[in-house]
Amino acid sequence: MTRLSATDAARNFAAVLSRAQAGEEIEVVRSGAPVARIGPARPEALSAARFRALLATAPAPDPAFAGELRALRRATGPPEGAWPS
C-alpha cells in the first residue's frame, strides 16, 4: 500500500483517484499518522428488499432439481472436516 501525505494527496487528487481506479490502495497520512484510505470502489451489497424483488422475478426451479440435489448430496457424503478459519 502506498502512503501519501494529506498535502500530496490534495495536490494530486485527480492522479490519486486514477491510481485508485486502477486498483491501487493509498493510505493518506497526516503528521505520520494514517487518517484515510483511498482505493477502488467495492460493489455494495443488495438490500433485503432488492434481493426479494430479484427473487420474485427469477424463474421457478426445474421440478427435478430437488431430487437431483438430494442425489448429489448422497453421492458426495458429509464433509471430511471443518473448514479452516
Protein backbone atom coordinates (compact mmCIF):
# COMPACT_ATOMS: atom_id res chain seq x y z
CA MET A 1 0.00 0.00 0.00
CA THR A 2 1.29 3.41 -0.95
CA ARG A 3 1.43 6.15 1.67
CA LEU A 4 0.90 9.80 0.79
CA SER A 5 0.82 12.88 2.96
CA ALA A 6 -2.51 14.67 3.09
CA THR A 7 -0.85 17.61 1.34
CA ASP A 8 0.41 15.44 -1.54
CA ALA A 9 -2.95 13.70 -1.84
CA ALA A 10 -4.73 17.05 -2.02
CA ARG A 11 -2.31 18.48 -4.58
CA ASN A 12 -2.58 15.41 -6.80
CA PHE A 13 -6.14 14.33 -6.08
CA ALA A 14 -7.08 13.55 -9.70
CA ALA A 15 -4.00 11.34 -10.05
CA VAL A 16 -4.74 9.66 -6.70
CA LEU A 17 -8.27 8.85 -7.93
CA SER A 18 -6.88 7.43 -11.18
CA ARG A 19 -4.50 5.21 -9.24
CA ALA A 20 -7.35 4.01 -7.03
CA GLN A 21 -9.49 3.31 -10.08
CA ALA A 22 -6.62 1.19 -11.43
CA GLY A 23 -6.73 -0.93 -8.24
CA GLU A 24 -4.14 0.71 -6.01
CA GLU A 25 -4.83 1.40 -2.34
CA ILE A 26 -3.41 4.61 -0.96
CA GLU A 27 -3.09 5.45 2.72
CA VAL A 28 -3.28 9.17 3.46
CA VAL A 29 -1.25 10.28 6.47
CA ARG A 30 -1.18 13.49 8.46
CA SER A 31 1.84 14.10 10.70
CA GLY A 32 2.82 10.48 10.07
CA ALA A 33 -0.49 9.05 11.35
CA PRO A 34 -2.94 7.33 8.98
CA VAL A 35 -6.17 9.29 8.53
CA ALA A 36 -7.78 7.72 5.44
CA ARG A 37 -7.52 5.03 2.80
CA ILE A 38 -8.41 5.61 -0.82
CA GLY A 39 -8.91 2.60 -3.02
CA PRO A 40 -11.04 1.07 -5.71
CA ALA A 41 -14.78 1.21 -5.15
CA ARG A 42 -16.27 -2.02 -3.86
CA PRO A 43 -19.68 -3.20 -5.01
CA GLU A 44 -22.40 -2.57 -2.47
CA ALA A 45 -24.41 -5.40 -1.02
CA LEU A 46 -28.02 -5.73 -2.10
CA SER A 47 -30.64 -4.59 0.33
CA ALA A 48 -33.06 -7.26 1.54
CA ALA A 49 -35.88 -5.55 -0.34
CA ARG A 50 -33.91 -5.53 -3.62
CA PHE A 51 -32.94 -9.19 -3.12
CA ARG A 52 -36.60 -10.17 -2.59
CA ALA A 53 -37.59 -8.23 -5.71
CA LEU A 54 -34.96 -10.07 -7.76
CA LEU A 55 -36.09 -13.43 -6.41
CA ALA A 56 -39.69 -12.61 -7.28
CA THR A 57 -38.70 -12.18 -10.93
CA ALA A 58 -36.47 -15.27 -11.12
CA PRO A 59 -37.75 -18.31 -12.99
CA ALA A 60 -39.04 -21.24 -10.95
CA PRO A 61 -36.56 -24.09 -10.40
CA ASP A 62 -36.84 -27.16 -12.57
CA PRO A 63 -39.24 -29.67 -10.91
CA ALA A 64 -36.49 -32.33 -10.83
CA PHE A 65 -33.98 -30.01 -9.14
CA ALA A 66 -34.74 -31.10 -5.55
CA GLY A 67 -34.29 -34.78 -6.43
CA GLU A 68 -31.05 -34.07 -8.26
CA LEU A 69 -29.75 -32.12 -5.29
CA ARG A 70 -30.61 -34.96 -2.87
CA ALA A 71 -28.82 -37.46 -5.16
CA LEU A 72 -25.77 -35.21 -5.31
CA ARG A 73 -25.67 -34.93 -1.51
CA ARG A 74 -25.90 -38.74 -1.16
CA ALA A 75 -23.13 -39.23 -3.73
CA THR A 76 -20.70 -36.80 -2.09
CA GLY A 77 -21.38 -37.66 1.56
CA PRO A 78 -20.67 -35.46 4.55
CA PRO A 79 -17.66 -33.11 4.62
CA GLU A 80 -14.41 -34.68 5.77
CA GLY A 81 -13.53 -31.97 8.26
CA ALA A 82 -14.14 -28.45 9.38
CA TRP A 83 -13.14 -25.65 7.03
CA PRO A 84 -10.05 -23.80 8.20
CA SER A 85 -10.80 -20.40 9.63
